Amino acid sequence: MADIKSIKPHMSVVGSDNVPIGRVDHLEGDNAIKLTRDRSGQHHFIPAGWVSSIDDKVHLNRSCNEAMSEWRDRASLL
């Protein structure tokens, strides 16, 4: 797993297929990433364990569709 402490607000988050899924709002502790609101005004959370690498973007170890079908609306559900 990449060092999630290097993740900064507003970084783009992309799936393993390089399709964007959103932008980082902030880190929720050491185990979750809160994404900025989507078009419907909803925040989503993804586990930090999904992060495969970090450069100018946060790269996940699953595709955009997989991530979007598995993300949660609350960090406590991860």
PDB file of N, CA and C in Angstrom:
ATOM      1  N   MET A   1       0.841  -1.183   0.000  1.00  0.00           N
ATOM      2  CA  MET A   1       0.000   0.000   0.000  1.00  0.00           C
ATOM      3  C   MET A   1       0.883   1.242   0.000  1.00  0.00           C
ATOM      4  N   ALA A   2       0.466   2.257  -0.697  1.00  0.00           N
ATOM      5  CA  ALA A   2       1.190   3.522  -0.774  1.00  0.00           C
ATOM      6  C   ALA A   2       1.056   4.287   0.549  1.00  0.00           C
ATOM      7  N   ASP A   3       1.925   5.260   0.762  1.00  0.00           N
ATOM      8  CA  ASP A   3       1.879   6.091   1.971  1.00  0.00           C
ATOM      9  C   ASP A   3       0.741   7.092   1.846  1.00  0.00           C
ATOM     10  N   ILE A   4      -0.389   6.816   2.483  1.00  0.00           N
ATOM     11  CA  ILE A   4      -1.557   7.679   2.309  1.00  0.00           C
ATOM     12  C   ILE A   4      -1.364   9.069   2.900  1.00  0.00           C
ATOM     13  N   LYS A   5      -0.363   9.246   3.745  1.00  0.00           N
ATOM     14  CA  LYS A   5      -0.117  10.575   4.305  1.00  0.00           C
ATOM     15  C   LYS A   5       0.318  11.572   3.229  1.00  0.00           C
ATOM     16  N   SER A   6       0.702  11.080   2.060  1.00  0.00           N
ATOM     17  CA  SER A   6       1.071  11.982   0.966  1.00  0.00           C
ATOM     18  C   SER A   6      -0.143  12.408   0.138  1.00  0.00           C
ATOM     19  N   ILE A   7      -1.313  11.904   0.481  1.00  0.00           N
ATOM     20  CA  ILE A   7      -2.544  12.294  -0.218  1.00  0.00           C
ATOM     21  C   ILE A   7      -2.982  13.658   0.285  1.00  0.00           C
ATOM     22  N   LYS A   8      -3.273  14.551  -0.643  1.00  0.00           N
ATOM     23  CA  LYS A   8      -3.666  15.922  -0.322  1.00  0.00           C
ATOM     24  C   LYS A   8      -5.085  16.200  -0.823  1.00  0.00           C
ATOM     25  N   PRO A   9      -5.777  17.157  -0.182  1.00  0.00           N
ATOM     26  CA  PRO A   9      -7.114  17.524  -0.651  1.00  0.00           C
ATOM     27  C   PRO A   9      -7.105  17.933  -2.125  1.00  0.00           C
ATOM     28  N   HIS A  10      -8.159  17.567  -2.801  1.00  0.00           N
ATOM     29  CA  HIS A  10      -8.429  17.899  -4.205  1.00  0.00           C
ATOM     30  C   HIS A  10      -7.587  17.126  -5.216  1.00  0.00           C
ATOM     31  N   MET A  11      -6.807  16.138  -4.740  1.00  0.00           N
ATOM     32  CA  MET A  11      -6.113  15.264  -5.695  1.00  0.00           C
ATOM     33  C   MET A  11      -7.161  14.432  -6.424  1.00  0.00           C
ATOM     34  N   SER A  12      -6.931  14.185  -7.691  1.00  0.00           N
ATOM     35  CA  SER A  12      -7.809  13.327  -8.475  1.00  0.00           C
ATOM     36  C   SER A  12      -7.616  11.877  -8.049  1.00  0.00           C
ATOM     37  N   VAL A  13      -8.718  11.127  -8.007  1.00  0.00           N
ATOM     38  CA  VAL A  13      -8.689   9.699  -7.686  1.00  0.00           C
ATOM     39  C   VAL A  13      -9.131   8.949  -8.933  1.00  0.00           C
ATOM     40  N   VAL A  14      -8.309   7.995  -9.382  1.00  0.00           N
ATOM     41  CA  VAL A  14      -8.618   7.240 -10.601  1.00  0.00           C
ATOM     42  C   VAL A  14      -8.582   5.742 -10.317  1.00  0.00           C
ATOM     43  N   GLY A  15      -9.398   5.020 -11.070  1.00  0.00           N
ATOM     44  CA  GLY A  15      -9.412   3.570 -10.959  1.00  0.00           C
ATOM     45  C   GLY A  15      -8.224   2.959 -11.675  1.00  0.00           C
ATOM     46  N   SER A  16      -8.097   1.644 -11.571  1.00  0.00           N
ATOM     47  CA  SER A  16      -6.998   0.935 -12.242  1.00  0.00           C
ATOM     48  C   SER A  16      -7.100   1.042 -13.756  1.00  0.00           C
ATOM     49  N   ASP A  17      -8.280   1.414 -14.242  1.00  0.00           N
ATOM     50  CA  ASP A  17      -8.503   1.639 -15.671  1.00  0.00           C
ATOM     51  C   ASP A  17      -8.228   3.089 -16.061  1.00  0.00           C
ATOM     52  N   ASN A  18      -7.704   3.883 -15.106  1.00  0.00           N
ATOM     53  CA  ASN A  18      -7.356   5.294 -15.273  1.00  0.00           C
ATOM     54  C   ASN A  18      -8.573   6.192 -15.495  1.00  0.00           C
ATOM     55  N   VAL A  19      -9.767   5.707 -15.159  1.00  0.00           N
ATOM     56  CA  VAL A  19     -10.994   6.503 -15.252  1.00  0.00           C
ATOM     57  C   VAL A  19     -11.195   7.215 -13.910  1.00  0.00           C
ATOM     58  N   PRO A  20     -11.412   8.548 -13.928  1.00  0.00           N
ATOM     59  CA  PRO A  20     -11.592   9.288 -12.679  1.00  0.00           C
ATOM     60  C   PRO A  20     -12.852   8.853 -11.924  1.00  0.00           C
ATOM     61  N   ILE A  21     -12.726   8.764 -10.592  1.00  0.00           N
ATOM     62  CA  ILE A  21     -13.914   8.494  -9.780  1.00  0.00           C
ATOM     63  C   ILE A  21     -14.262   9.669  -8.876  1.00  0.00           C
ATOM     64  N   GLY A  22     -13.361  10.626  -8.742  1.00  0.00           N
ATOM     65  CA  GLY A  22     -13.638  11.787  -7.911  1.00  0.00           C
ATOM     66  C   GLY A  22     -12.360  12.471  -7.474  1.00  0.00           C
ATOM     67  N   ARG A  23     -12.519  13.341  -6.466  1.00  0.00           N
ATOM     68  CA  ARG A  23     -11.389  14.073  -5.899  1.00  0.00           C
ATOM     69  C   ARG A  23     -11.396  13.891  -4.384  1.00  0.00           C
ATOM     70  N   VAL A  24     -10.216  13.959  -3.817  1.00  0.00           N
ATOM     71  CA  VAL A  24     -10.066  13.810  -2.368  1.00  0.00           C
ATOM     72  C   VAL A  24     -10.618  15.047  -1.669  1.00  0.00           C
ATOM     73  N   ASP A  25     -11.471  14.827  -0.675  1.00  0.00           N
ATOM     74  CA  ASP A  25     -11.881  15.902   0.221  1.00  0.00           C
ATOM     75  C   ASP A  25     -10.857  15.958   1.355  1.00  0.00           C
ATOM     76  N   HIS A  26     -10.704  14.840   2.062  1.00  0.00           N
ATOM     77  CA  HIS A  26      -9.675  14.720   3.100  1.00  0.00           C
ATOM     78  C   HIS A  26      -9.560  13.268   3.544  1.00  0.00           C
ATOM     79  N   LEU A  27      -8.546  12.995   4.341  1.00  0.00           N
ATOM     80  CA  LEU A  27      -8.370  11.662   4.917  1.00  0.00           C
ATOM     81  C   LEU A  27      -9.228  11.548   6.169  1.00  0.00           C
ATOM     82  N   GLU A  28      -9.827  10.397   6.352  1.00  0.00           N
ATOM     83  CA  GLU A  28     -10.581  10.086   7.572  1.00  0.00           C
ATOM     84  C   GLU A  28      -9.723   9.120   8.378  1.00  0.00           C
ATOM     85  N   GLY A  29      -8.898   9.657   9.247  1.00  0.00           N
ATOM     86  CA  GLY A  29      -7.990   8.815  10.016  1.00  0.00           C
ATOM     87  C   GLY A  29      -6.952   8.181   9.107  1.00  0.00           C
ATOM     88  N   ASP A  30      -6.550   6.961   9.448  1.00  0.00           N
ATOM     89  CA  ASP A  30      -5.527   6.262   8.671  1.00  0.00           C
ATOM     90  C   ASP A  30      -6.099   5.238   7.709  1.00  0.00           C
ATOM     91  N   ASN A  31      -7.419   5.072   7.706  1.00  0.00           N
ATOM     92  CA  ASN A  31      -7.960   3.966   6.917  1.00  0.00           C
ATOM     93  C   ASN A  31      -9.023   4.328   5.897  1.00  0.00           C
ATOM     94  N   ALA A  32      -9.341   5.606   5.728  1.00  0.00           N
ATOM     95  CA  ALA A  32     -10.386   5.963   4.762  1.00  0.00           C
ATOM     96  C   ALA A  32     -10.084   7.300   4.094  1.00  0.00           C
ATOM     97  N   ILE A  33     -10.580   7.425   2.879  1.00  0.00           N
ATOM     98  CA  ILE A  33     -10.469   8.664   2.109  1.00  0.00           C
ATOM     99  C   ILE A  33     -11.882   9.151   1.830  1.00  0.00           C
ATOM    100  N   LYS A  34     -12.151  10.386   2.202  1.00  0.00           N
ATOM    101  CA  LYS A  34     -13.444  11.003   1.913  1.00  0.00           C
ATOM    102  C   LYS A  34     -13.308  11.750   0.596  1.00  0.00           C
ATOM    103  N   LEU A  35     -14.204  11.474  -0.327  1.00  0.00           N
ATOM    104  CA  LEU A  35     -14.199  12.147  -1.620  1.00  0.00           C
ATOM    105  C   LEU A  35     -15.076  13.389  -1.560  1.00  0.00           C
ATOM    106  N   THR A  36     -14.772  14.375  -2.407  1.00  0.00           N
ATOM    107  CA  THR A  36     -15.611  15.566  -2.481  1.00  0.00           C
ATOM    108  C   THR A  36     -17.006  15.168  -2.955  1.00  0.00           C
ATOM    109  N   ARG A  37     -17.952  16.051  -2.762  1.00  0.00           N
ATOM    110  CA  ARG A  37     -19.341  15.769  -3.137  1.00  0.00           C
ATOM    111  C   ARG A  37     -19.460  15.486  -4.635  1.00  0.00           C
ATOM    112  N   ASP A  38     -20.318  14.529  -4.946  1.00  0.00           N
ATOM    113  CA  ASP A  38     -20.581  14.239  -6.356  1.00  0.00           C
ATOM    114  C   ASP A  38     -21.672  15.184  -6.863  1.00  0.00           C
ATOM    115  N   ARG A  39     -22.136  14.981  -8.066  1.00  0.00           N
ATOM    116  CA  ARG A  39     -23.135  15.877  -8.663  1.00  0.00           C
ATOM    117  C   ARG A  39     -24.443  15.922  -7.887  1.00  0.00           C
ATOM    118  N   SER A  40     -24.735  14.854  -7.159  1.00  0.00           N
ATOM    119  CA  SER A  40     -25.969  14.828  -6.363  1.00  0.00           C
ATOM    120  C   SER A  40     -25.764  15.416  -4.969  1.00  0.00           C
ATOM    121  N   GLY A  41     -24.547  15.874  -4.677  1.00  0.00           N
ATOM    122  CA  GLY A  41     -24.254  16.483  -3.386  1.00  0.00           C
ATOM    123  C   GLY A  41     -23.842  15.503  -2.305  1.00  0.00           C
ATOM    124  N   GLN A  42     -23.560  14.264  -2.687  1.00  0.00           N
ATOM    125  CA  GLN A  42     -23.229  13.197  -1.739  1.00  0.00           C
ATOM    126  C   GLN A  42     -21.720  12.983  -1.642  1.00  0.00           C
ATOM    127  N   HIS A  43     -21.216  12.864  -0.402  1.00  0.00           N
ATOM    128  CA  HIS A  43     -19.833  12.446  -0.177  1.00  0.00           C
ATOM    129  C   HIS A  43     -19.778  10.930  -0.230  1.00  0.00           C
ATOM    130  N   HIS A  44     -18.643  10.379  -0.646  1.00  0.00           N
ATOM    131  CA  HIS A  44     -18.416   8.940  -0.626  1.00  0.00           C
ATOM    132  C   HIS A  44     -17.075   8.678   0.034  1.00  0.00           C
ATOM    133  N   PHE A  45     -16.925   7.484   0.595  1.00  0.00           N
ATOM    134  CA  PHE A  45     -15.713   7.081   1.295  1.00  0.00           C
ATOM    135  C   PHE A  45     -15.172   5.809   0.673  1.00  0.00           C
ATOM    136  N   ILE A  46     -13.849   5.758   0.561  1.00  0.00           N
ATOM    137  CA  ILE A  46     -13.190   4.552   0.065  1.00  0.00           C
ATOM    138  C   ILE A  46     -12.099   4.156   1.056  1.00  0.00           C
ATOM    139  N   PRO A  47     -11.831   2.865   1.193  1.00  0.00           N
ATOM    140  CA  PRO A  47     -10.764   2.428   2.101  1.00  0.00           C
ATOM    141  C   PRO A  47      -9.385   2.823   1.577  1.00  0.00           C
ATOM    142  N   ALA A  48      -8.511   3.213   2.472  1.00  0.00           N
ATOM    143  CA  ALA A  48      -7.135   3.539   2.085  1.00  0.00           C
ATOM    144  C   ALA A  48      -6.439   2.321   1.494  1.00  0.00           C
ATOM    145  N   GLY A  49      -6.867   1.135   1.853  1.00  0.00           N
ATOM    146  CA  GLY A  49      -6.282  -0.093   1.331  1.00  0.00           C
ATOM    147  C   GLY A  49      -6.472  -0.279  -0.159  1.00  0.00           C
ATOM    148  N   TRP A  50      -7.366   0.469  -0.765  1.00  0.00           N
ATOM    149  CA  TRP A  50      -7.567   0.404  -2.215  1.00  0.00           C
ATOM    150  C   TRP A  50      -6.482   1.149  -2.980  1.00  0.00           C
ATOM    151  N   VAL A  51      -5.704   1.996  -2.310  1.00  0.00           N
ATOM    152  CA  VAL A  51      -4.698   2.821  -2.981  1.00  0.00           C
ATOM    153  C   VAL A  51      -3.518   1.945  -3.391  1.00  0.00           C
ATOM    154  N   SER A  52      -3.225   1.958  -4.690  1.00  0.00           N
ATOM    155  CA  SER A  52      -2.082   1.181  -5.186  1.00  0.00           C
ATOM    156  C   SER A  52      -0.847   2.047  -5.360  1.00  0.00           C
ATOM    157  N   SER A  53      -1.042   3.317  -5.729  1.00  0.00           N
ATOM    158  CA  SER A  53       0.089   4.234  -5.880  1.00  0.00           C
ATOM    159  C   SER A  53      -0.420   5.671  -5.839  1.00  0.00           C
ATOM    160  N   ILE A  54       0.528   6.577  -5.612  1.00  0.00           N
ATOM    161  CA  ILE A  54       0.210   8.001  -5.536  1.00  0.00           C
ATOM    162  C   ILE A  54       1.284   8.758  -6.291  1.00  0.00           C
ATOM    163  N   ASP A  55       0.856   9.610  -7.219  1.00  0.00           N
ATOM    164  CA  ASP A  55       1.762  10.564  -7.860  1.00  0.00           C
ATOM    165  C   ASP A  55       1.015  11.892  -7.841  1.00  0.00           C
ATOM    166  N   ASP A  56       0.698  12.472  -8.975  1.00  0.00           N
ATOM    167  CA  ASP A  56      -0.157  13.655  -8.962  1.00  0.00           C
ATOM    168  C   ASP A  56      -1.622  13.255  -8.811  1.00  0.00           C
ATOM    169  N   LYS A  57      -1.897  11.940  -8.856  1.00  0.00           N
ATOM    170  CA  LYS A  57      -3.232  11.376  -8.670  1.00  0.00           C
ATOM    171  C   LYS A  57      -3.142  10.243  -7.659  1.00  0.00           C
ATOM    172  N   VAL A  58      -4.289   9.882  -7.125  1.00  0.00           N
ATOM    173  CA  VAL A  58      -4.399   8.700  -6.269  1.00  0.00           C
ATOM    174  C   VAL A  58      -4.906   7.568  -7.160  1.00  0.00           C
ATOM    175  N   HIS A  59      -4.107   6.524  -7.305  1.00  0.00           N
ATOM    176  CA  HIS A  59      -4.450   5.388  -8.165  1.00  0.00           C
ATOM    177  C   HIS A  59      -4.967   4.244  -7.300  1.00  0.00           C
ATOM    178  N   LEU A  60      -6.096   3.669  -7.707  1.00  0.00           N
ATOM    179  CA  LEU A  60      -6.702   2.578  -6.955  1.00  0.00           C
ATOM    180  C   LEU A  60      -6.371   1.229  -7.572  1.00  0.00           C
ATOM    181  N   ASN A  61      -6.557   0.179  -6.793  1.00  0.00           N
ATOM    182  CA  ASN A  61      -6.276  -1.182  -7.255  1.00  0.00           C
ATOM    183  C   ASN A  61      -7.518  -1.864  -7.823  1.00  0.00           C
ATOM    184  N   ARG A  62      -8.514  -1.078  -8.157  1.00  0.00           N
ATOM    185  CA  ARG A  62      -9.740  -1.588  -8.785  1.00  0.00           C
ATOM    186  C   ARG A  62     -10.255  -0.564  -9.778  1.00  0.00           C
ATOM    187  N   SER A  63     -11.067  -1.017 -10.706  1.00  0.00           N
ATOM    188  CA  SER A  63     -11.566  -0.131 -11.760  1.00  0.00           C
ATOM    189  C   SER A  63     -12.519   0.911 -11.183  1.00  0.00           C
ATOM    190  N   CYS A  64     -12.789   1.909 -11.976  1.00  0.00           N
ATOM    191  CA  CYS A  64     -13.739   2.949 -11.590  1.00  0.00           C
ATOM    192  C   CYS A  64     -15.089   2.333 -11.239  1.00  0.00           C
ATOM    193  N   ASN A  65     -15.611   1.467 -12.092  1.00  0.00           N
ATOM    194  CA  ASN A  65     -16.923   0.855 -11.839  1.00  0.00           C
ATOM    195  C   ASN A  65     -16.922   0.025 -10.565  1.00  0.00           C
ATOM    196  N   GLU A  66     -15.854  -0.739 -10.340  1.00  0.00           N
ATOM    197  CA  GLU A  66     -15.767  -1.539  -9.113  1.00  0.00           C
ATOM    198  C   GLU A  66     -15.748  -0.633  -7.882  1.00  0.00           C
ATOM    199  N   ALA A  67     -14.942   0.423  -7.936  1.00  0.00           N
ATOM    200  CA  ALA A  67     -14.843   1.341  -6.804  1.00  0.00           C
ATOM    201  C   ALA A  67     -16.185   2.009  -6.524  1.00  0.00           C
ATOM    202  N   MET A  68     -16.855   2.460  -7.568  1.00  0.00           N
ATOM    203  CA  MET A  68     -18.125   3.149  -7.380  1.00  0.00           C
ATOM    204  C   MET A  68     -19.219   2.206  -6.871  1.00  0.00           C
ATOM    205  N   SER A  69     -19.122   0.936  -7.192  1.00  0.00           N
ATOM    206  CA  SER A  69     -20.134  -0.004  -6.694  1.00  0.00           C
ATOM    207  C   SER A  69     -19.850  -0.432  -5.255  1.00  0.00           C
ATOM    208  N   GLU A  70     -18.614  -0.202  -4.786  1.00  0.00           N
ATOM    209  CA  GLU A  70     -18.233  -0.640  -3.444  1.00  0.00           C
ATOM    210  C   GLU A  70     -18.005   0.501  -2.449  1.00  0.00           C
ATOM    211  N   TRP A  71     -17.991   1.774  -2.916  1.00  0.00           N
ATOM    212  CA  TRP A  71     -17.751   2.846  -1.967  1.00  0.00           C
ATOM    213  C   TRP A  71     -18.913   2.967  -1.005  1.00  0.00           C
ATOM    214  N   ARG A  72     -18.714   3.699   0.072  1.00  0.00           N
ATOM    215  CA  ARG A  72     -19.723   3.836   1.121  1.00  0.00           C
ATOM    216  C   ARG A  72     -20.048   5.305   1.342  1.00  0.00           C
ATOM    217  N   ASP A  73     -21.199   5.546   1.967  1.00  0.00           N
ATOM    218  CA  ASP A  73     -21.627   6.907   2.273  1.00  0.00           C
ATOM    219  C   ASP A  73     -21.151   7.377   3.642  1.00  0.00           C
ATOM    220  N   ARG A  74     -20.597   6.449   4.429  1.00  0.00           N
ATOM    221  CA  ARG A  74     -20.054   6.789   5.753  1.00  0.00           C
ATOM    222  C   ARG A  74     -18.778   5.991   5.973  1.00  0.00           C
ATOM    223  N   ALA A  75     -17.792   6.634   6.571  1.00  0.00           N
ATOM    224  CA  ALA A  75     -16.514   5.958   6.833  1.00  0.00           C
ATOM    225  C   ALA A  75     -16.700   4.785   7.781  1.00  0.00           C
ATOM    226  N   SER A  76     -17.669   4.871   8.676  1.00  0.00           N
ATOM    227  CA  SER A  76     -17.877   3.799   9.655  1.00  0.00           C
ATOM    228  C   SER A  76     -18.346   2.502   9.007  1.00  0.00           C
ATOM    229  N   LEU A  77     -18.801   2.551   7.762  1.00  0.00           N
ATOM    230  CA  LEU A  77     -19.273   1.355   7.063  1.00  0.00           C
ATOM    231  C   LEU A  77     -18.160   0.623   6.336  1.00  0.00           C
ATOM    232  N   LEU A  78     -16.950   1.178   6.334  1.00  0.00           N
ATOM    233  CA  LEU A  78     -15.839   0.540   5.619  1.00  0.00           C
ATOM    234  C   LEU A  78     -15.298  -0.635   6.391  1.00  0.00           C
TER     235      LEU A  78
END
